[in-house]
Amino acid sequence: MRDQQNFWSGLGGISADAWALMEHEPAKWMEVLKAWADHTEKHARYRFVNKGSRQGEITLYGPIGADFFGEGITSSSFKKQLDALGDVRDINVRIDSPGGAVMDARTIYTHLTQHPAKVNVYIDGLAASAASVIAMAGDTINVAEGGFVMIHEARSVARGTASELRAAADVVDKANTTIVDTYVRRTGQSKKKIVDWMAAETWFTGAEAVANGFATSVMENKGSGAKASAYAQAFGNMPKQLLPGRAQARAILERVQRRAALRKGKK
């Protein structure tokens, strides 16, 4: 692997290294995916709790949508658990997520906005990409003073003929349109400003998120501050405050390489 950081970003569909590994070393590619799944299972939290007094709590820590192994926060599993909360008056949604599948996020957003309960969103660490769309469903949106909101253009991976690639690009354009509309409606910002921010992959601190309409208040951190998800390192403009997350991703890859070296030594 020439550049671990660059390769790992390829899991988001932007690195040729990922395609090369899938095509030429499928066994190693599956090792990477398995290590990623193990990390997700160990660190992600997806929890619904009826706290009594007609209050429900939803914890969304980890990627949105199903991963290669069928795990993750999908819209269908979300809806089942949301219904299981019963007749709640308030729903507290706690988020620390790098995002994921746009359509799952869109559907989760719709479920929350159509629910009769008051929705209070708490961004404990990171609401990036598709997760920031879910956050916009809150009647209140509270972001930790050490947390971030990140918005960017939708991404996709496509292969095929020229016409198939053009069709795939059209789908991404339509996804971007719906995301822009959601941000404009929530923030009151102009469409042009939102489009420019998304094109630039823009990160907002807690205070900046409030100032620009992506949140309603900043939560004070009593400890060392919120820690955003390690998965955030897949993005190009990640703030320096989140750089420790890259070390976790590198550690996963290094573990995969050690396994490969051990297998090779046994042959």
Protein backbone atom coordinates (compact mmCIF):
# COMPACT_ATOMS: atom_id res chain seq x y z
CA MET A 1 0.00 0.00 0.00
CA ARG A 2 1.59 3.22 -1.15
CA ASP A 3 -0.26 5.59 1.14
CA GLN A 4 -2.42 4.24 3.92
CA GLN A 5 -4.30 7.46 4.53
CA ASN A 6 -5.07 7.88 0.83
CA PHE A 7 -6.04 4.25 0.49
CA TRP A 8 -8.39 4.34 3.44
CA SER A 9 -10.19 7.33 1.95
CA GLY A 10 -10.80 5.06 -1.01
CA LEU A 11 -13.38 3.17 1.05
CA GLY A 12 -15.48 6.28 0.41
CA GLY A 13 -15.05 5.75 -3.30
CA ILE A 14 -12.41 8.34 -4.15
CA SER A 15 -9.16 6.38 -4.39
CA ALA A 16 -7.90 4.21 -7.24
CA ASP A 17 -5.93 2.18 -4.67
CA ALA A 18 -9.19 0.66 -3.40
CA TRP A 19 -10.14 -0.53 -6.89
CA ALA A 20 -6.66 -1.95 -7.46
CA LEU A 21 -6.79 -3.93 -4.23
CA MET A 22 -10.29 -5.29 -4.99
CA GLU A 23 -9.27 -6.42 -8.47
CA HIS A 24 -5.76 -7.75 -7.87
CA GLU A 25 -5.71 -8.80 -4.21
CA PRO A 26 -9.31 -9.70 -3.28
CA ALA A 27 -8.22 -11.72 -0.25
CA LYS A 28 -6.44 -8.72 1.25
CA TRP A 29 -9.42 -6.52 0.34
CA MET A 30 -11.70 -8.81 2.35
CA GLU A 31 -9.24 -8.61 5.25
CA VAL A 32 -9.53 -4.82 5.17
CA LEU A 33 -13.32 -4.97 5.11
CA LYS A 34 -13.41 -7.51 7.96
CA ALA A 35 -11.10 -5.34 10.05
CA TRP A 36 -13.30 -2.35 9.31
CA ALA A 37 -16.40 -4.31 10.34
CA ASP A 38 -14.71 -5.46 13.56
CA HIS A 39 -13.83 -1.86 14.36
CA THR A 40 -17.41 -0.75 13.65
CA GLU A 41 -18.87 -3.46 15.89
CA LYS A 42 -16.49 -2.55 18.69
CA HIS A 43 -16.88 1.22 18.57
CA ALA A 44 -20.28 2.00 17.02
CA ARG A 45 -23.41 2.28 19.13
CA TYR A 46 -26.95 2.12 17.84
CA ARG A 47 -29.42 2.23 20.70
CA PHE A 48 -33.06 3.05 21.34
CA VAL A 49 -34.22 3.50 24.94
CA ASN A 50 -37.62 4.40 26.34
CA LYS A 51 -36.54 6.39 29.37
CA GLY A 52 -39.99 6.63 30.87
CA SER A 53 -42.05 9.77 31.37
CA ARG A 54 -42.73 9.53 27.64
CA GLN A 55 -39.11 10.24 26.73
CA GLY A 56 -37.16 8.22 24.19
CA GLU A 57 -33.45 8.26 23.41
CA ILE A 58 -31.77 7.25 20.16
CA THR A 59 -27.99 6.91 19.98
CA LEU A 60 -26.50 6.97 16.48
CA TYR A 61 -22.77 6.38 16.86
CA GLY A 62 -21.27 4.99 13.67
CA PRO A 63 -21.88 4.83 9.91
CA ILE A 64 -25.34 5.36 8.39
CA GLY A 65 -26.59 2.56 6.15
CA ALA A 66 -25.59 -1.08 5.77
CA ASP A 67 -21.91 -1.85 5.27
CA PHE A 68 -20.41 -4.70 3.23
CA PHE A 69 -21.40 -7.16 5.96
CA GLY A 70 -24.98 -5.98 6.39
CA GLU A 71 -24.32 -4.10 9.62
CA GLY A 72 -25.03 -0.43 10.23
CA ILE A 73 -27.84 2.01 10.91
CA THR A 74 -30.34 1.40 8.12
CA SER A 75 -33.62 3.22 7.58
CA SER A 76 -35.65 0.02 7.99
CA SER A 77 -34.05 -0.99 11.29
CA PHE A 78 -34.35 2.62 12.48
CA LYS A 79 -38.09 2.70 11.74
CA LYS A 80 -38.75 -0.57 13.59
CA GLN A 81 -36.93 0.63 16.68
CA LEU A 82 -38.52 4.08 16.48
CA ASP A 83 -41.98 2.52 16.45
CA ALA A 84 -40.98 0.35 19.42
CA LEU A 85 -40.43 3.48 21.52
CA GLY A 86 -44.18 3.84 21.69
CA ASP A 87 -46.08 6.97 22.57
CA VAL A 88 -43.22 9.25 23.57
CA ARG A 89 -43.48 13.02 23.90
CA ASP A 90 -39.79 13.79 23.40
CA ILE A 91 -37.07 12.00 21.44
CA ASN A 92 -33.41 12.78 22.15
CA VAL A 93 -31.18 11.84 19.22
CA ARG A 94 -27.47 11.63 20.04
CA ILE A 95 -25.13 11.64 17.03
CA ASP A 96 -21.45 10.90 16.45
CA SER A 97 -21.28 9.72 12.86
CA PRO A 98 -19.23 10.27 9.70
CA GLY A 99 -22.36 9.74 7.61
CA GLY A 100 -22.84 7.07 4.98
CA ALA A 101 -25.75 6.18 2.72
CA VAL A 102 -27.68 9.22 1.53
CA MET A 103 -30.99 7.42 0.99
CA ASP A 104 -30.95 5.84 4.44
CA ALA A 105 -30.22 9.25 5.95
CA ARG A 106 -33.00 10.85 3.92
CA THR A 107 -35.52 8.25 5.08
CA ILE A 108 -34.41 8.52 8.72
CA TYR A 109 -34.75 12.30 8.45
CA THR A 110 -38.30 11.88 7.14
CA HIS A 111 -39.24 9.46 9.94
CA LEU A 112 -38.08 11.98 12.53
CA THR A 113 -39.69 15.04 10.98
CA GLN A 114 -43.02 13.23 10.63
CA HIS A 115 -42.97 11.86 14.18
CA PRO A 116 -45.38 13.70 16.54
CA ALA A 117 -42.78 13.87 19.32
CA LYS A 118 -40.45 16.81 19.83
CA VAL A 119 -37.04 15.85 18.42
CA ASN A 120 -33.96 17.14 20.25
CA VAL A 121 -30.69 16.43 18.43
CA TYR A 122 -27.39 16.32 20.35
CA ILE A 123 -24.23 16.23 18.23
CA ASP A 124 -21.86 14.69 20.76
CA GLY A 125 -18.88 14.58 18.42
CA LEU A 126 -19.49 14.67 14.70
CA ALA A 127 -22.44 14.97 12.34
CA ALA A 128 -20.79 14.70 8.94
CA SER A 129 -22.09 14.09 5.45
CA ALA A 130 -25.34 12.09 5.56
CA ALA A 131 -25.41 12.30 9.37
CA SER A 132 -25.68 16.08 9.13
CA VAL A 133 -28.87 15.60 7.08
CA ILE A 134 -30.36 13.53 9.91
CA ALA A 135 -29.36 16.24 12.38
CA MET A 136 -31.45 18.78 10.47
CA ALA A 137 -34.59 16.90 11.61
CA GLY A 138 -34.24 18.26 15.14
CA ASP A 139 -36.64 20.80 16.59
CA THR A 140 -33.54 21.72 18.55
CA ILE A 141 -29.99 20.92 17.43
CA ASN A 142 -27.36 21.05 20.15
CA VAL A 143 -23.71 20.61 19.21
CA ALA A 144 -20.86 19.98 21.64
CA GLU A 145 -18.35 22.82 21.86
CA GLY A 146 -15.74 20.33 20.70
CA GLY A 147 -18.00 18.87 18.03
CA PHE A 148 -18.35 19.47 14.31
CA VAL A 149 -20.94 19.57 11.55
CA MET A 150 -19.61 18.80 8.07
CA ILE A 151 -21.40 19.15 4.75
CA HIS A 152 -20.17 18.10 1.32
CA GLU A 153 -21.40 16.93 -2.05
CA ALA A 154 -22.80 13.43 -2.38
CA ARG A 155 -20.32 10.78 -3.49
CA SER A 156 -20.72 7.59 -5.45
CA VAL A 157 -18.71 4.82 -7.06
CA ALA A 158 -19.54 3.83 -10.63
CA ARG A 159 -18.10 1.66 -13.37
CA GLY A 160 -19.34 0.89 -16.82
CA THR A 161 -19.91 2.45 -20.20
CA ALA A 162 -19.86 6.19 -20.85
CA SER A 163 -23.67 6.32 -20.86
CA GLU A 164 -23.84 4.37 -17.59
CA LEU A 165 -21.34 6.74 -15.97
CA ARG A 166 -23.31 9.78 -17.16
CA ALA A 167 -26.50 8.26 -15.72
CA ALA A 168 -24.74 7.66 -12.40
CA ALA A 169 -23.60 11.30 -12.34
CA ASP A 170 -27.21 12.41 -12.91
CA VAL A 171 -28.29 10.44 -9.85
CA VAL A 172 -25.60 12.11 -7.73
CA ASP A 173 -26.73 15.53 -9.00
CA LYS A 174 -30.30 14.77 -7.93
CA ALA A 175 -29.11 13.62 -4.51
CA ASN A 176 -27.20 16.87 -4.12
CA THR A 177 -30.33 18.85 -5.00
CA THR A 178 -32.35 17.23 -2.21
CA ILE A 179 -29.54 17.75 0.30
CA VAL A 180 -29.18 21.42 -0.65
CA ASP A 181 -32.93 21.94 -0.22
CA THR A 182 -32.81 20.42 3.27
CA TYR A 183 -29.94 22.66 4.39
CA VAL A 184 -31.51 25.79 2.85
CA ARG A 185 -34.85 25.12 4.54
CA ARG A 186 -33.25 24.53 7.94
CA THR A 187 -30.57 27.22 7.97
CA GLY A 188 -32.17 30.02 5.97
CA GLN A 189 -28.95 30.38 4.00
CA SER A 190 -29.03 31.03 0.25
CA LYS A 191 -28.90 28.10 -2.14
CA LYS A 192 -25.67 29.43 -3.66
CA LYS A 193 -23.94 29.60 -0.29
CA ILE A 194 -24.98 26.05 0.59
CA VAL A 195 -23.83 24.77 -2.82
CA ASP A 196 -20.46 26.49 -2.39
CA TRP A 197 -20.01 25.11 1.12
CA MET A 198 -20.82 21.59 -0.04
CA ALA A 199 -18.43 21.82 -2.99
CA ALA A 200 -15.64 22.89 -0.66
CA GLU A 201 -16.38 20.20 2.00
CA THR A 202 -17.01 22.65 4.84
CA TRP A 203 -16.51 21.89 8.53
CA PHE A 204 -18.32 23.95 11.15
CA THR A 205 -17.32 24.12 14.80
CA GLY A 206 -20.14 24.22 17.32
CA ALA A 207 -20.20 28.01 17.38
CA GLU A 208 -19.98 28.23 13.58
CA ALA A 209 -22.80 25.73 13.21
CA VAL A 210 -25.03 27.89 15.39
CA ALA A 211 -24.00 31.10 13.63
CA ASN A 212 -24.85 29.62 10.23
CA GLY A 213 -28.11 27.96 11.19
CA PHE A 214 -27.01 24.31 11.34
CA ALA A 215 -27.54 24.18 15.12
CA THR A 216 -29.50 26.04 17.74
CA SER A 217 -27.09 25.90 20.69
CA VAL A 218 -23.63 24.82 21.83
CA MET A 219 -23.27 22.31 24.66
CA GLU A 220 -20.50 22.88 27.17
CA ASN A 221 -18.00 20.03 27.54
CA LYS A 222 -17.06 19.28 31.13
CA GLY A 223 -14.19 16.98 30.19
CA SER A 224 -11.52 17.14 27.53
CA GLY A 225 -14.09 17.69 24.80
CA ALA A 226 -16.05 15.55 22.41
CA LYS A 227 -14.15 13.07 20.29
CA ALA A 228 -15.43 12.68 16.78
CA SER A 229 -15.68 9.29 15.10
CA ALA A 230 -12.47 7.73 13.82
CA TYR A 231 -14.17 7.18 10.49
CA ALA A 232 -14.07 10.93 9.87
CA GLN A 233 -10.49 10.60 8.62
CA ALA A 234 -11.87 9.49 5.24
CA PHE A 235 -12.60 13.11 4.36
CA GLY A 236 -10.17 15.47 2.69
CA ASN A 237 -10.55 18.61 4.82
CA MET A 238 -10.82 17.11 8.28
CA PRO A 239 -9.90 19.71 10.94
CA LYS A 240 -6.64 19.22 12.80
CA GLN A 241 -8.57 18.73 16.04
CA LEU A 242 -9.76 15.38 14.70
CA LEU A 243 -6.42 14.12 13.42
CA PRO A 244 -6.03 11.48 16.20
CA GLY A 245 -8.82 9.59 14.43
CA ARG A 246 -6.45 8.90 11.54
CA ALA A 247 -4.20 6.93 13.89
CA GLN A 248 -7.04 4.51 14.62
CA ALA A 249 -7.65 3.93 10.93
CA ARG A 250 -3.95 3.40 10.29
CA ALA A 251 -3.85 0.91 13.14
CA ILE A 252 -6.56 -1.15 11.43
CA LEU A 253 -4.60 -1.25 8.20
CA GLU A 254 -1.37 -2.10 9.97
CA ARG A 255 -3.13 -5.01 11.68
CA VAL A 256 -4.28 -6.28 8.29
CA GLN A 257 -0.75 -6.04 6.91
CA ARG A 258 0.63 -7.99 9.88
CA ARG A 259 -1.92 -10.73 9.30
CA ALA A 260 -0.95 -10.89 5.63
CA ALA A 261 2.74 -11.09 6.52
CA LEU A 262 2.12 -13.94 8.99
CA ARG A 263 0.16 -15.91 6.39
CA LYS A 264 2.93 -15.40 3.86
CA GLY A 265 5.56 -16.58 6.37
CA LYS A 266 3.68 -19.81 7.00
CA LYS A 267 3.65 -20.77 3.32
